[in-house]
Protein backbone atom coordinates (compact mmCIF):
# COMPACT_ATOMS: atom_id res chain seq x y z
CA MET A 1 82.52 97.78 54.99
CA ASP A 2 85.45 97.95 57.64
CA LEU A 3 88.99 99.29 55.98
CA ALA A 4 90.17 98.92 59.58
CA PRO A 5 89.92 95.51 60.97
CA THR A 6 92.04 96.47 63.56
CA SER A 7 90.64 100.26 64.27
CA SER A 8 91.08 99.85 68.04
CA THR A 9 94.55 100.53 67.48
CA LEU A 10 94.27 102.65 65.03
CA PRO A 11 94.47 106.43 65.46
CA LEU A 12 90.93 108.48 63.95
CA ALA A 13 93.15 110.20 61.69
CA MET A 14 94.84 107.10 60.15
CA ARG A 15 91.13 105.48 59.48
CA SER A 16 90.39 108.66 57.88
CA TRP A 17 93.14 108.81 55.50
CA ARG A 18 92.53 105.43 54.61
CA TRP A 19 89.11 105.54 53.59
CA ARG A 20 90.26 108.70 51.48
CA ILE A 21 93.30 106.10 49.79
CA PHE A 22 91.02 103.47 49.38
CA ALA A 23 88.54 106.11 47.53
CA SER A 24 90.83 107.74 45.45
CA THR A 25 92.79 105.19 44.19
CA TRP A 26 89.70 102.95 43.21
CA LEU A 27 88.35 105.70 41.72
CA CYS A 28 91.79 106.18 39.95
CA TYR A 29 92.06 102.92 38.64
CA ALA A 30 88.32 103.02 37.56
CA GLY A 31 88.79 106.46 35.58
CA PHE A 32 91.76 105.05 33.71
CA TYR A 33 89.29 102.57 32.14
CA PHE A 34 87.55 105.40 30.49
CA CYS A 35 89.99 106.42 28.43
CA ARG A 36 90.84 102.68 27.95
CA ARG A 37 87.30 101.40 26.67
CA PRO A 38 86.35 103.23 24.32
CA TYR A 39 88.02 101.83 21.30
CA SER A 40 86.96 98.69 21.50
CA ILE A 41 83.22 99.14 21.98
CA ALA A 42 83.60 101.76 19.27
CA LYS A 43 85.86 98.95 17.01
CA ALA A 44 83.29 97.85 14.61
CA GLU A 45 82.07 101.58 13.94
CA ILE A 46 85.67 102.90 13.58
CA GLY A 47 86.28 100.08 11.01
CA THR A 48 83.15 100.63 8.85
CA GLN A 49 83.16 104.63 8.52
CA LEU A 50 87.22 104.34 8.23
CA HIS A 51 86.98 101.39 5.87
CA TRP A 52 89.57 99.46 8.23
CA HIS A 53 89.74 95.61 8.25
CA ALA A 54 89.82 93.70 11.20
CA THR A 55 93.68 93.34 11.02
CA ASP A 56 93.81 96.74 10.97
CA LEU A 57 91.69 97.02 13.96
CA ALA A 58 94.16 94.72 15.50
CA SER A 59 96.90 96.39 14.77
CA VAL A 60 95.72 99.65 16.47
CA TYR A 61 95.26 98.25 19.57
CA ALA A 62 98.28 96.06 19.61
CA ALA A 63 100.51 99.20 19.30
CA TYR A 64 98.56 100.40 22.89
CA LEU A 65 99.07 96.97 24.51
CA ILE A 66 102.67 96.52 23.52
CA ALA A 67 103.53 99.86 24.93
CA TYR A 68 101.03 99.40 27.82
CA THR A 69 103.43 95.89 28.30
CA LEU A 70 106.97 97.92 28.04
CA GLY A 71 105.05 100.40 30.40
CA GLN A 72 104.36 98.20 33.21
CA PHE A 73 107.95 97.15 33.57
CA ALA A 74 109.06 100.69 33.47
CA SER A 75 106.16 101.65 36.09
CA GLY A 76 107.26 99.28 38.47
CA ALA A 77 111.05 100.04 38.08
CA ILE A 78 110.67 104.25 38.19
CA GLY A 79 107.61 104.03 40.38
CA PRO A 80 109.48 103.19 43.89
CA ARG A 81 111.85 106.18 43.16
CA LEU A 82 109.19 108.58 41.44
CA GLY A 83 106.60 108.12 43.97
CA PRO A 84 103.34 106.65 42.93
CA ARG A 85 101.23 109.97 43.14
CA LYS A 86 103.59 111.67 40.45
CA MET A 87 103.64 108.46 38.25
CA LEU A 88 99.54 108.55 38.64
CA LEU A 89 98.78 112.23 38.18
CA GLY A 90 100.97 112.22 34.95
CA GLY A 91 100.02 108.86 33.70
CA MET A 92 95.92 110.30 33.48
CA ALA A 93 96.85 113.37 32.31
CA LEU A 94 98.55 112.03 29.09
CA SER A 95 95.86 109.79 28.55
CA ILE A 96 93.33 112.83 29.05
CA ALA A 97 95.27 114.21 26.60
CA CYS A 98 95.44 111.15 23.58
CA SER A 99 91.99 110.53 24.06
CA VAL A 100 90.60 113.87 23.02
CA ALA A 101 93.46 113.55 20.35
CA PHE A 102 91.47 110.42 19.11
CA GLY A 103 88.09 112.70 18.38
CA PHE A 104 90.52 114.78 15.64
CA THR A 105 92.17 111.92 13.47
CA ASP A 106 90.87 109.76 11.17
CA SER A 107 94.53 108.37 9.73
CA LEU A 108 95.84 104.75 10.58
CA LEU A 109 99.01 105.97 11.44
CA TRP A 110 97.86 108.34 14.22
CA PHE A 111 95.53 106.15 15.98
CA VAL A 112 98.73 103.81 16.14
CA ALA A 113 100.93 106.44 17.38
CA LEU A 114 98.66 108.02 19.73
CA MET A 115 97.67 104.56 20.83
CA SER A 116 101.18 103.73 21.96
CA VAL A 117 101.39 106.88 24.04
CA ASN A 118 97.92 106.29 25.69
CA GLY A 119 99.56 102.63 26.71
CA LEU A 120 102.42 103.99 27.97
CA ALA A 121 100.12 106.65 30.12
CA GLN A 122 97.59 103.80 31.07
CA ALA A 123 100.51 101.45 32.48
CA THR A 124 101.27 103.74 35.06
CA GLY A 125 97.66 102.79 36.81
CA TRP A 126 97.91 99.09 38.35
CA SER A 127 101.42 99.20 40.11
CA ASN A 128 101.15 102.16 41.20
CA THR A 129 97.68 102.36 42.91
CA VAL A 130 98.09 98.82 44.24
CA GLY A 131 101.53 100.28 45.79
CA THR A 132 99.40 103.06 47.37
CA MET A 133 97.34 100.55 49.20
CA ALA A 134 100.37 98.31 50.20
CA SER A 135 101.59 101.25 52.16
CA TRP A 136 98.20 101.95 53.98
CA PHE A 137 96.95 98.16 54.84
CA LYS A 138 98.47 95.26 56.24
CA ARG A 139 98.90 91.56 54.92
CA GLU A 140 96.11 89.97 57.37
CA GLU A 141 93.54 92.56 55.84
CA ARG A 142 94.27 92.71 52.26
CA GLY A 143 92.61 90.13 51.10
CA THR A 144 89.32 91.51 52.22
CA VAL A 145 90.44 94.93 51.51
CA MET A 146 91.46 94.39 47.88
CA GLY A 147 88.88 92.03 47.23
CA LEU A 148 86.56 95.52 47.59
CA TRP A 149 89.05 97.70 46.04
CA ALA A 150 89.79 95.39 42.54
CA THR A 151 86.12 95.70 41.82
CA ASN A 152 87.26 99.17 40.47
CA PHE A 153 88.37 97.39 37.09
CA GLN A 154 84.85 95.71 36.65
CA VAL A 155 83.24 98.75 37.86
CA GLY A 156 85.09 100.99 35.59
CA GLY A 157 84.69 98.59 32.44
CA VAL A 158 81.40 98.45 32.84
CA ALA A 159 80.71 102.25 33.41
CA SER A 160 83.05 103.39 30.83
CA ALA A 161 81.76 100.78 28.09
CA ALA A 162 78.04 101.96 28.87
CA LEU A 163 79.02 105.30 28.62
CA ALA A 164 80.86 104.59 25.50
CA ALA A 165 78.18 102.39 23.87
CA TRP A 166 75.64 105.15 24.96
CA MET A 167 77.66 107.67 22.99
CA LEU A 168 78.50 105.24 19.82
CA PRO A 169 74.81 105.91 17.95
CA ARG A 170 73.76 109.44 19.04
CA HIS A 171 77.21 111.26 18.93
CA GLY A 172 79.64 109.22 16.87
CA PHE A 173 82.91 107.28 17.96
CA ARG A 174 84.47 110.58 18.33
CA PHE A 175 82.64 111.56 21.51
CA ALA A 176 83.14 108.19 23.00
CA PHE A 177 86.61 109.33 23.19
CA PHE A 178 85.74 112.81 24.38
CA SER A 179 83.61 111.53 27.25
CA GLY A 180 85.89 109.19 28.61
CA ALA A 181 88.28 112.15 28.50
CA ALA A 182 85.92 114.21 30.80
CA VAL A 183 85.27 111.46 33.37
CA LEU A 184 88.90 111.08 33.57
CA ALA A 185 89.57 114.63 34.03
CA GLY A 186 87.03 114.58 36.46
CA VAL A 187 88.97 111.76 38.58
CA ALA A 188 92.15 113.05 38.24
CA VAL A 189 91.24 116.23 40.35
CA ILE A 190 90.25 113.99 43.46
CA VAL A 191 93.49 112.07 43.14
CA PHE A 192 95.31 115.16 43.29
CA VAL A 193 93.08 116.57 46.58
CA TRP A 194 93.17 113.00 48.38
CA GLN A 195 96.17 110.69 47.49
CA ARG A 196 99.02 110.23 49.43
CA ASN A 197 101.75 107.26 48.94
CA ARG A 198 102.02 106.53 52.45
CA PRO A 199 100.87 107.27 56.04
CA GLU A 200 104.41 109.52 56.51
CA ASP A 201 103.74 111.98 54.11
CA VAL A 202 101.06 113.18 56.42
CA GLY A 203 102.44 112.94 59.40
CA LEU A 204 101.19 109.86 60.59
CA PRO A 205 103.60 106.63 61.76
CA ALA A 206 104.38 104.08 59.22
CA LEU A 207 102.39 101.06 59.77
CA VAL A 208 104.42 98.51 60.94
CA ASP A 209 103.80 94.74 59.08
CA ASP A 210 105.73 91.98 61.08
CA GLN A 211 105.26 89.58 57.97
CA GLU A 212 107.07 91.69 55.71
CA PRO A 213 110.82 92.33 55.25
CA ALA A 214 112.13 95.47 56.87
CA LEU A 215 114.13 98.16 54.25
CA SER A 216 117.56 99.52 54.66
CA ALA A 217 117.72 103.54 54.81
CA ASP A 218 119.13 103.91 51.27
CA SER A 219 116.96 100.91 49.77
CA PRO A 220 113.48 101.85 48.29
CA THR A 221 112.65 97.97 48.26
CA PRO A 222 113.84 95.08 49.73
CA LYS A 223 116.06 92.86 47.85
CA TRP A 224 114.23 89.24 46.64
CA SER A 225 114.85 85.63 47.20
CA ARG A 226 115.09 82.87 44.67
CA ALA A 227 111.65 81.73 45.94
CA THR A 228 110.49 85.35 45.75
CA TRP A 229 111.55 85.54 42.06
CA THR A 230 109.89 82.28 41.30
CA THR A 231 106.65 83.56 42.70
CA VAL A 232 106.67 86.09 41.19
CA LEU A 233 107.40 84.98 37.70
CA LEU A 234 104.96 82.25 38.21
CA ILE A 235 101.90 84.70 39.23
CA GLY A 236 103.22 86.65 35.91
CA PHE A 237 102.99 83.70 33.39
CA ALA A 238 99.86 82.80 35.04
CA TYR A 239 98.41 87.09 34.46
CA PHE A 240 99.54 86.20 30.96
CA GLY A 241 96.82 83.73 30.55
CA MET A 242 94.24 85.55 32.32
CA LYS A 243 95.04 88.75 30.32
CA PHE A 244 94.57 86.75 27.03
CA ILE A 245 91.27 85.88 28.05
CA ARG A 246 90.16 89.25 29.73
CA TYR A 247 91.42 91.64 27.10
CA ALA A 248 90.27 88.69 24.26
CA LEU A 249 86.81 89.27 25.75
CA TRP A 250 87.03 93.18 26.66
CA SER A 251 88.05 93.83 22.75
CA TRP A 252 86.35 91.62 20.53
CA ALA A 253 83.34 90.50 22.15
CA PRO A 254 81.44 93.65 21.20
CA PHE A 255 83.03 93.43 17.75
CA PHE A 256 81.75 89.43 17.76
CA LEU A 257 78.58 90.31 19.08
CA GLU A 258 78.10 92.93 16.20
CA LYS A 259 79.35 90.34 13.20
CA ASN A 260 78.71 87.09 13.81
CA LEU A 261 75.46 87.43 16.35
CA HIS A 262 74.11 90.43 14.35
CA LEU A 263 73.47 92.86 17.50
CA LYS A 264 73.23 96.66 17.30
CA GLY A 265 76.72 98.07 17.92
CA ASP A 266 74.83 100.11 20.99
CA ASP A 267 73.36 96.67 21.82
CA ALA A 268 76.72 94.83 21.10
CA GLY A 269 78.52 97.01 23.87
CA TYR A 270 75.98 96.70 26.56
CA VAL A 271 75.91 92.68 26.04
CA SER A 272 79.85 92.76 26.40
CA THR A 273 79.29 94.51 30.02
CA VAL A 274 78.34 90.82 31.42
CA PHE A 275 81.67 90.02 31.56
CA ASP A 276 82.48 92.69 33.95
CA VAL A 277 79.34 92.53 35.68
CA CYS A 278 79.73 89.31 36.87
CA GLY A 279 83.05 89.95 37.46
CA ILE A 280 82.58 92.20 40.20
CA LEU A 281 80.69 89.78 42.37
CA GLY A 282 83.61 87.15 41.94
CA VAL A 283 86.34 89.92 42.99
CA ILE A 284 84.37 89.96 46.49
CA VAL A 285 83.47 86.69 46.90
CA THR A 286 87.31 85.42 46.37
CA GLY A 287 88.82 88.50 48.24
CA TYR A 288 86.41 87.48 51.25
CA LEU A 289 87.24 83.51 51.00
CA SER A 290 91.07 84.41 50.51
CA ASP A 291 90.57 85.92 54.00
CA LYS A 292 88.10 84.01 56.03
CA LEU A 293 88.26 80.44 54.80
CA PHE A 294 91.81 80.18 53.30
CA HIS A 295 93.38 82.62 55.99
CA GLY A 296 95.51 84.40 53.77
CA ARG A 297 96.46 81.86 51.34
CA ARG A 298 95.67 83.60 47.87
CA ALA A 299 96.98 80.52 45.68
CA MET A 300 94.60 77.90 46.69
CA VAL A 301 91.42 79.75 46.39
CA SER A 302 92.80 81.13 43.07
CA PHE A 303 93.33 77.68 41.60
CA LEU A 304 90.05 76.37 42.13
CA MET A 305 88.37 79.78 40.82
CA VAL A 306 90.46 79.06 37.88
CA CYS A 307 89.32 75.45 37.45
CA GLY A 308 86.25 77.42 37.09
CA VAL A 309 87.40 79.51 34.03
CA CYS A 310 88.39 76.20 32.70
CA ALA A 311 84.73 75.06 32.77
CA ALA A 312 83.21 78.35 31.62
CA THR A 313 85.57 78.57 28.24
CA LEU A 314 84.54 75.46 27.74
CA LEU A 315 80.86 76.19 27.44
CA LEU A 316 81.62 79.51 25.45
CA PHE A 317 83.60 77.54 23.20
CA THR A 318 80.19 74.75 22.72
CA ILE A 319 77.47 77.09 22.63
CA GLY A 320 79.10 80.69 22.50
CA ALA A 321 78.77 80.89 18.94
CA GLN A 322 75.07 79.47 18.56
CA SER A 323 73.22 82.96 19.95
CA VAL A 324 73.45 85.87 21.81
CA TYR A 325 72.32 84.35 25.46
CA GLY A 326 74.60 81.40 25.05
CA PHE A 327 77.37 83.59 24.63
CA ALA A 328 76.17 86.31 27.46
CA ILE A 329 75.92 83.39 29.82
CA SER A 330 79.06 82.20 29.03
CA ILE A 331 81.43 85.41 29.27
CA GLY A 332 79.24 86.10 32.62
CA LEU A 333 80.69 82.83 34.12
CA ILE A 334 83.77 83.93 32.67
CA GLY A 335 84.11 86.78 34.23
CA PHE A 336 82.77 85.30 37.88
CA THR A 337 85.86 82.85 38.35
CA LEU A 338 88.52 85.37 35.96
CA TYR A 339 88.32 88.64 37.75
CA GLY A 340 88.73 86.90 41.42
CA PRO A 341 92.40 85.39 40.88
CA ASP A 342 92.90 87.93 38.34
CA ALA A 343 92.73 90.58 40.75
CA LEU A 344 94.02 88.54 44.16
CA LEU A 345 96.95 87.43 42.49
CA THR A 346 98.33 90.68 41.10
CA GLY A 347 96.60 93.15 44.07
CA ALA A 348 96.97 91.34 47.21
CA GLY A 349 99.29 88.87 46.25
CA ALA A 350 101.70 90.96 44.67
CA MET A 351 101.53 93.05 47.77
CA ASP A 352 102.20 90.13 49.95
CA VAL A 353 105.17 88.45 47.83
CA GLY A 354 106.84 92.09 47.23
CA GLY A 355 106.06 93.56 50.72
CA GLY A 356 104.41 96.83 51.34
CA ARG A 357 107.52 98.74 50.03
CA GLY A 358 108.15 96.35 47.16
CA ALA A 359 104.55 95.87 45.90
CA VAL A 360 105.03 98.29 43.37
CA ARG A 361 108.21 96.57 41.66
CA ALA A 362 106.08 92.92 42.18
CA SER A 363 103.13 94.33 40.77
CA GLY A 364 104.62 96.01 37.69
CA ILE A 365 106.78 92.69 37.14
CA ILE A 366 103.59 90.43 37.18
CA SER A 367 101.27 93.08 35.07
CA GLY A 368 103.97 93.52 32.40
CA ILE A 369 104.58 89.86 31.41
CA GLY A 370 100.55 89.52 31.91
CA SER A 371 100.27 92.40 29.76
CA ALA A 372 102.59 90.43 26.89
CA GLY A 373 99.22 88.22 26.89
CA SER A 374 96.99 91.06 26.12
CA VAL A 375 99.30 92.08 23.29
CA VAL A 376 99.45 88.38 22.17
CA GLN A 377 95.30 87.94 21.82
CA GLU A 378 95.00 91.37 19.65
CA LEU A 379 97.61 90.37 17.12
CA VAL A 380 96.73 86.29 17.35
CA ILE A 381 92.70 87.06 17.18
CA GLY A 382 92.16 89.67 14.50
CA LYS A 383 94.47 87.70 12.20
CA MET A 384 92.51 84.40 12.91
CA TYR A 385 89.25 85.75 12.58
CA ASP A 386 90.27 87.52 8.59
CA LYS A 387 91.67 83.55 7.77
CA ALA A 388 88.69 81.84 9.18
CA ASN A 389 86.51 84.17 6.92
CA GLY A 390 84.69 85.31 10.22
CA SER A 391 84.74 82.15 11.91
CA ILE A 392 84.72 82.26 16.08
CA ALA A 393 85.18 78.73 16.86
CA PRO A 394 89.22 78.71 16.61
CA ILE A 395 89.10 81.93 18.72
CA LEU A 396 87.35 80.43 21.66
CA ALA A 397 89.36 77.17 20.91
CA THR A 398 92.25 79.16 21.86
CA LEU A 399 90.45 80.94 24.96
CA LEU A 400 89.98 77.20 26.63
CA GLY A 401 93.89 76.81 25.92
CA SER A 402 94.50 79.80 27.62
CA ALA A 403 92.33 79.02 30.65
CA LEU A 404 94.07 75.54 30.58
CA PHE A 405 97.84 76.98 30.76
CA THR A 406 96.84 79.32 33.77
CA ALA A 407 95.83 76.81 35.77
CA VAL A 408 98.84 74.54 35.35
CA CYS A 409 100.51 78.18 36.58
CA VAL A 410 98.78 78.37 39.60
CA GLY A 411 98.71 74.82 40.00
CA ALA A 412 102.37 75.20 40.55
CA ILE A 413 102.09 77.68 43.10
CA VAL A 414 99.87 75.63 45.15
CA TRP A 415 102.48 73.00 44.54
CA ARG A 416 105.35 75.64 45.62
CA ASN A 417 103.34 76.11 48.69
CA LYS A 418 102.77 72.87 50.02
CA ARG A 419 106.76 72.22 49.91
CA GLY A 420 107.50 75.39 51.89
CA ALA A 421 108.83 77.41 48.48
CA SER A 422 106.29 79.91 48.62
CA ASP A 423 104.36 82.02 50.91
CA MET A 424 100.81 82.76 49.01
């Protein structure tokens, strides 16, 4: 992997620091998942032990997602002023504390309160890691670099789910939370040592990108045109649909596999990781195609992949409720086609639209709108499941509708590109 395509023009110190930045931010965002995923994996077990209904379980995670959504907007606004480093280290410390506290309470009210705080803490992750990367890599290399970098949330999702699933039958759901907190604590040490906001912070010259607007001395972010705002909002709405699907499968796939397809809790957790495992390859392929075949045009390759999401969710609707194998194959195909545009539009796309120093704000707005989709799915799916007496057919139909909505939004960006109204 070459993190410096223009290595002949970059000093050795810059190349060395780019490796450290890539590694520390990758580990940072992957590490956040160890304090995010345990609840989803242990959801059925928590409901059984604490005698909570699906609606109760949904309300706990909805509290997290609402706080996470609001936190994304706040992170996008505050991050450029405080700097990504302070935001990330503070967010990790708070998330670790919440995960430890989860292991010491049986109260629904306390779960809701702690999930809300954890949501705010977790919201510091994406926009500030993306913002850090934007200051260290130029536009022409971001598709490939961010395609590799954005495997963090698939690897983090798989590893955290596997750890929680392994802990669940051996030590109970409480240690699923404790173990995740321990992993994130170790990652926080690496971030403290290696992460820096921009080259100037370590005495290196700033990377100059002629394709991005220059900043005035008194402005932390560039001013955006109406066309830029429109593109940011369209990406945000597309991300709403993608996050609806992604979080629905994260939050409910283990639950459905255990309750509807009759797997044991740990086996359900392992099978659910197929979604993330296939997504890893999808992200790498999409990022590479974005640079090499589509020459940095993120929208077209994303549109093609989103069309694949529509086909895969249709397959899930038709065969997913029939067998474990059908469910696993379907979510694997969704992961492969979904994660690429998910990462590309909200990572490299946000960096391209917002510019190097506007990436934190762009990513925060996009992630904030997108995170509303994760809130809606949690509130809707829990109630739909109870109302349908345990049938998942209406839920799978809703996922298909969300995929079609996403395709319309990304298609609008492609159409604007052809008219010269957007540069993606």
